N, C-alpha and C. Protein backbone atom coordinates (compact mmCIF):
# COMPACT_ATOMS: atom_id res chain seq x y z
N ARG A 1 -59.25 63.82 -6.28
CA ARG A 1 -58.13 63.03 -6.72
C ARG A 1 -58.06 62.98 -8.24
N VAL A 2 -59.19 62.75 -8.87
CA VAL A 2 -59.18 62.67 -10.33
C VAL A 2 -58.80 64.01 -10.95
N HIS A 3 -59.24 65.10 -10.35
CA HIS A 3 -58.91 66.42 -10.90
C HIS A 3 -57.42 66.69 -10.77
N LEU A 4 -56.83 66.34 -9.65
CA LEU A 4 -55.39 66.52 -9.49
C LEU A 4 -54.63 65.66 -10.50
N SER A 5 -55.08 64.45 -10.71
CA SER A 5 -54.43 63.57 -11.67
C SER A 5 -54.50 64.15 -13.09
N GLU A 6 -55.65 64.70 -13.44
CA GLU A 6 -55.81 65.31 -14.77
C GLU A 6 -54.86 66.48 -14.97
N MET A 7 -54.47 67.15 -13.89
CA MET A 7 -53.53 68.27 -13.97
C MET A 7 -52.09 67.78 -13.82
N ASN A 8 -51.90 66.44 -13.89
CA ASN A 8 -50.59 65.81 -13.73
C ASN A 8 -50.01 66.06 -12.34
N LEU A 9 -50.88 66.10 -11.33
CA LEU A 9 -50.49 66.28 -9.93
C LEU A 9 -51.17 65.21 -9.08
N PRO A 10 -50.90 63.93 -9.35
CA PRO A 10 -51.62 62.88 -8.61
C PRO A 10 -51.25 62.88 -7.13
N VAL A 11 -52.18 62.42 -6.32
CA VAL A 11 -51.94 62.27 -4.89
C VAL A 11 -50.94 61.13 -4.70
N VAL A 12 -49.92 61.37 -3.90
CA VAL A 12 -48.92 60.34 -3.63
C VAL A 12 -49.61 59.11 -3.04
N GLY A 13 -49.29 57.95 -3.58
CA GLY A 13 -49.83 56.69 -3.08
C GLY A 13 -51.21 56.33 -3.59
N ASP A 14 -51.75 57.10 -4.52
CA ASP A 14 -53.09 56.83 -5.04
C ASP A 14 -53.02 55.73 -6.09
N PRO A 15 -53.51 54.52 -5.79
CA PRO A 15 -53.41 53.42 -6.75
C PRO A 15 -54.37 53.55 -7.93
N VAL A 16 -55.41 54.34 -7.80
CA VAL A 16 -56.42 54.46 -8.86
C VAL A 16 -56.02 55.50 -9.90
N TYR A 17 -55.52 56.65 -9.46
CA TYR A 17 -55.25 57.75 -10.39
C TYR A 17 -53.77 58.00 -10.63
N GLY A 18 -52.93 57.01 -10.40
CA GLY A 18 -51.57 57.07 -10.88
C GLY A 18 -50.49 57.53 -9.94
N GLY A 19 -50.81 58.00 -8.77
CA GLY A 19 -49.78 58.48 -7.85
C GLY A 19 -48.79 57.41 -7.45
N GLN A 20 -49.25 56.18 -7.33
CA GLN A 20 -48.38 55.07 -6.95
C GLN A 20 -47.39 54.77 -8.07
N LYS A 21 -47.87 54.73 -9.30
CA LYS A 21 -47.02 54.40 -10.44
C LYS A 21 -45.98 55.49 -10.68
N LYS A 22 -46.37 56.73 -10.53
CA LYS A 22 -45.46 57.83 -10.84
C LYS A 22 -44.35 57.97 -9.81
N SER A 23 -44.49 57.34 -8.65
CA SER A 23 -43.43 57.44 -7.65
C SER A 23 -42.14 56.79 -8.14
N ASN A 24 -42.23 55.87 -9.09
CA ASN A 24 -41.03 55.25 -9.65
C ASN A 24 -40.16 56.26 -10.39
N ALA A 25 -40.74 57.37 -10.81
CA ALA A 25 -40.02 58.39 -11.58
C ALA A 25 -39.29 59.39 -10.68
N ILE A 26 -39.43 59.28 -9.37
CA ILE A 26 -38.75 60.21 -8.46
C ILE A 26 -37.26 59.94 -8.52
N GLY A 27 -36.47 60.95 -8.90
CA GLY A 27 -35.04 60.78 -9.08
C GLY A 27 -34.25 60.65 -7.79
N ASP A 28 -34.69 61.30 -6.74
CA ASP A 28 -34.01 61.28 -5.44
C ASP A 28 -34.30 59.93 -4.77
N ALA A 29 -33.27 59.10 -4.61
CA ALA A 29 -33.46 57.73 -4.10
C ALA A 29 -34.07 57.71 -2.70
N ARG A 30 -33.63 58.61 -1.81
CA ARG A 30 -34.17 58.63 -0.44
C ARG A 30 -35.65 59.02 -0.46
N LEU A 31 -35.99 60.05 -1.23
CA LEU A 31 -37.38 60.49 -1.31
C LEU A 31 -38.24 59.39 -1.93
N ARG A 32 -37.75 58.75 -2.99
CA ARG A 32 -38.49 57.66 -3.63
C ARG A 32 -38.76 56.54 -2.61
N SER A 33 -37.77 56.21 -1.80
CA SER A 33 -37.94 55.18 -0.78
C SER A 33 -38.99 55.57 0.25
N LEU A 34 -38.96 56.82 0.70
CA LEU A 34 -39.96 57.28 1.67
C LEU A 34 -41.37 57.24 1.08
N VAL A 35 -41.49 57.71 -0.15
CA VAL A 35 -42.81 57.74 -0.81
C VAL A 35 -43.32 56.33 -1.05
N GLN A 36 -42.47 55.45 -1.53
CA GLN A 36 -42.90 54.08 -1.80
C GLN A 36 -43.18 53.30 -0.52
N GLY A 37 -42.70 53.80 0.61
CA GLY A 37 -42.99 53.17 1.89
C GLY A 37 -44.39 53.44 2.40
N LEU A 38 -45.07 54.42 1.82
CA LEU A 38 -46.45 54.70 2.22
C LEU A 38 -47.34 53.55 1.78
N LYS A 39 -48.21 53.12 2.64
CA LYS A 39 -49.11 52.01 2.31
C LYS A 39 -50.53 52.51 2.06
N ARG A 40 -50.65 53.80 1.78
CA ARG A 40 -51.96 54.41 1.55
C ARG A 40 -51.74 55.73 0.81
N GLN A 41 -52.81 56.41 0.51
CA GLN A 41 -52.72 57.73 -0.10
C GLN A 41 -52.17 58.73 0.91
N ALA A 42 -51.40 59.67 0.44
CA ALA A 42 -50.84 60.70 1.31
C ALA A 42 -51.84 61.84 1.47
N LEU A 43 -52.97 61.52 2.07
CA LEU A 43 -54.00 62.50 2.38
C LEU A 43 -54.21 62.49 3.89
N HIS A 44 -54.28 63.68 4.49
CA HIS A 44 -54.45 63.74 5.94
C HIS A 44 -55.18 65.03 6.31
N ALA A 45 -56.13 64.91 7.20
CA ALA A 45 -56.83 66.08 7.74
C ALA A 45 -56.32 66.31 9.16
N ARG A 46 -55.60 67.39 9.38
CA ARG A 46 -55.12 67.72 10.71
C ARG A 46 -56.25 68.18 11.60
N PHE A 47 -57.23 68.86 10.99
CA PHE A 47 -58.35 69.41 11.75
C PHE A 47 -59.64 69.24 10.96
N LEU A 48 -60.67 68.78 11.63
CA LEU A 48 -62.01 68.71 11.05
C LEU A 48 -62.99 69.30 12.05
N GLY A 49 -63.92 70.08 11.55
CA GLY A 49 -64.96 70.63 12.40
C GLY A 49 -66.27 70.66 11.65
N PHE A 50 -67.35 70.34 12.35
CA PHE A 50 -68.67 70.37 11.72
C PHE A 50 -69.75 70.41 12.80
N ARG A 51 -70.91 70.82 12.40
CA ARG A 51 -72.06 70.86 13.29
C ARG A 51 -72.78 69.50 13.23
N HIS A 52 -73.02 68.92 14.41
CA HIS A 52 -73.72 67.64 14.49
C HIS A 52 -75.11 67.80 13.88
N PRO A 53 -75.51 66.91 12.97
CA PRO A 53 -76.78 67.09 12.27
C PRO A 53 -78.03 66.95 13.15
N VAL A 54 -77.93 66.29 14.28
CA VAL A 54 -79.09 66.11 15.15
C VAL A 54 -79.10 67.12 16.30
N THR A 55 -77.96 67.22 17.00
CA THR A 55 -77.92 68.08 18.19
C THR A 55 -77.57 69.52 17.87
N GLY A 56 -76.94 69.75 16.73
CA GLY A 56 -76.50 71.10 16.38
C GLY A 56 -75.21 71.50 17.07
N GLU A 57 -74.67 70.61 17.91
CA GLU A 57 -73.43 70.90 18.63
C GLU A 57 -72.26 70.97 17.64
N TRP A 58 -71.37 71.96 17.85
CA TRP A 58 -70.17 72.07 17.01
C TRP A 58 -69.14 71.08 17.53
N LEU A 59 -68.64 70.24 16.65
CA LEU A 59 -67.65 69.23 17.01
C LEU A 59 -66.35 69.52 16.29
N GLU A 60 -65.24 69.33 16.98
CA GLU A 60 -63.92 69.53 16.39
C GLU A 60 -63.04 68.33 16.71
N PHE A 61 -62.24 67.94 15.73
CA PHE A 61 -61.33 66.82 15.89
C PHE A 61 -59.97 67.21 15.31
N THR A 62 -58.91 66.84 16.00
CA THR A 62 -57.56 67.06 15.49
C THR A 62 -56.80 65.74 15.48
N SER A 63 -55.85 65.64 14.58
CA SER A 63 -55.05 64.43 14.47
C SER A 63 -53.66 64.81 13.98
N PRO A 64 -52.62 64.36 14.68
CA PRO A 64 -51.27 64.68 14.22
C PRO A 64 -50.96 63.97 12.90
N LEU A 65 -50.01 64.51 12.19
CA LEU A 65 -49.57 63.90 10.94
C LEU A 65 -48.95 62.54 11.24
N PRO A 66 -49.31 61.50 10.50
CA PRO A 66 -48.70 60.18 10.72
C PRO A 66 -47.18 60.25 10.52
N LYS A 67 -46.47 59.38 11.22
CA LYS A 67 -45.00 59.40 11.20
C LYS A 67 -44.42 59.26 9.79
N ASP A 68 -45.01 58.41 8.96
CA ASP A 68 -44.45 58.22 7.62
C ASP A 68 -44.61 59.48 6.76
N MET A 69 -45.73 60.16 6.89
CA MET A 69 -45.93 61.41 6.15
C MET A 69 -45.03 62.51 6.72
N ALA A 70 -44.89 62.55 8.03
CA ALA A 70 -44.02 63.54 8.67
C ALA A 70 -42.58 63.35 8.22
N ALA A 71 -42.15 62.11 8.05
CA ALA A 71 -40.78 61.84 7.60
C ALA A 71 -40.54 62.40 6.21
N ILE A 72 -41.52 62.29 5.33
CA ILE A 72 -41.39 62.84 3.98
C ILE A 72 -41.29 64.35 4.04
N LEU A 73 -42.16 64.98 4.80
CA LEU A 73 -42.12 66.45 4.91
C LEU A 73 -40.82 66.92 5.53
N GLU A 74 -40.35 66.24 6.57
CA GLU A 74 -39.09 66.63 7.21
C GLU A 74 -37.93 66.51 6.22
N TYR A 75 -37.92 65.45 5.43
CA TYR A 75 -36.86 65.28 4.44
C TYR A 75 -36.90 66.41 3.42
N LEU A 76 -38.08 66.71 2.91
CA LEU A 76 -38.21 67.79 1.91
C LEU A 76 -37.82 69.14 2.49
N GLU A 77 -38.21 69.39 3.74
CA GLU A 77 -37.85 70.67 4.38
C GLU A 77 -36.34 70.79 4.54
N ARG A 78 -35.68 69.71 4.97
CA ARG A 78 -34.22 69.75 5.13
C ARG A 78 -33.53 69.94 3.79
N LYS A 79 -34.02 69.27 2.77
CA LYS A 79 -33.36 69.30 1.46
C LYS A 79 -33.58 70.62 0.72
N TYR A 80 -34.78 71.20 0.85
CA TYR A 80 -35.13 72.33 0.00
C TYR A 80 -35.34 73.65 0.73
N SER A 81 -35.23 73.68 2.04
CA SER A 81 -35.42 74.97 2.73
C SER A 81 -34.18 75.83 2.53
N ALA A 82 -34.42 77.14 2.47
CA ALA A 82 -33.31 78.07 2.21
C ALA A 82 -32.54 78.37 3.46
């Protein structure tokens, strides 16, 4: 998060490294509303996999994108897809 912020690419909704504050600068009113509606950082892992440290079993977990994040992506895809 800090590295992205240093490159002026803060994580949306990040209260520590500026992503929350910079959302006020979003010119598109609908997008600004969607982004400001997030109550957390816009970070999500769709898939995680790792080997259990005791049993050695490979474990995999999947999780769908939360509705609020999906709404932002859907809006951006509709607005900017060719």
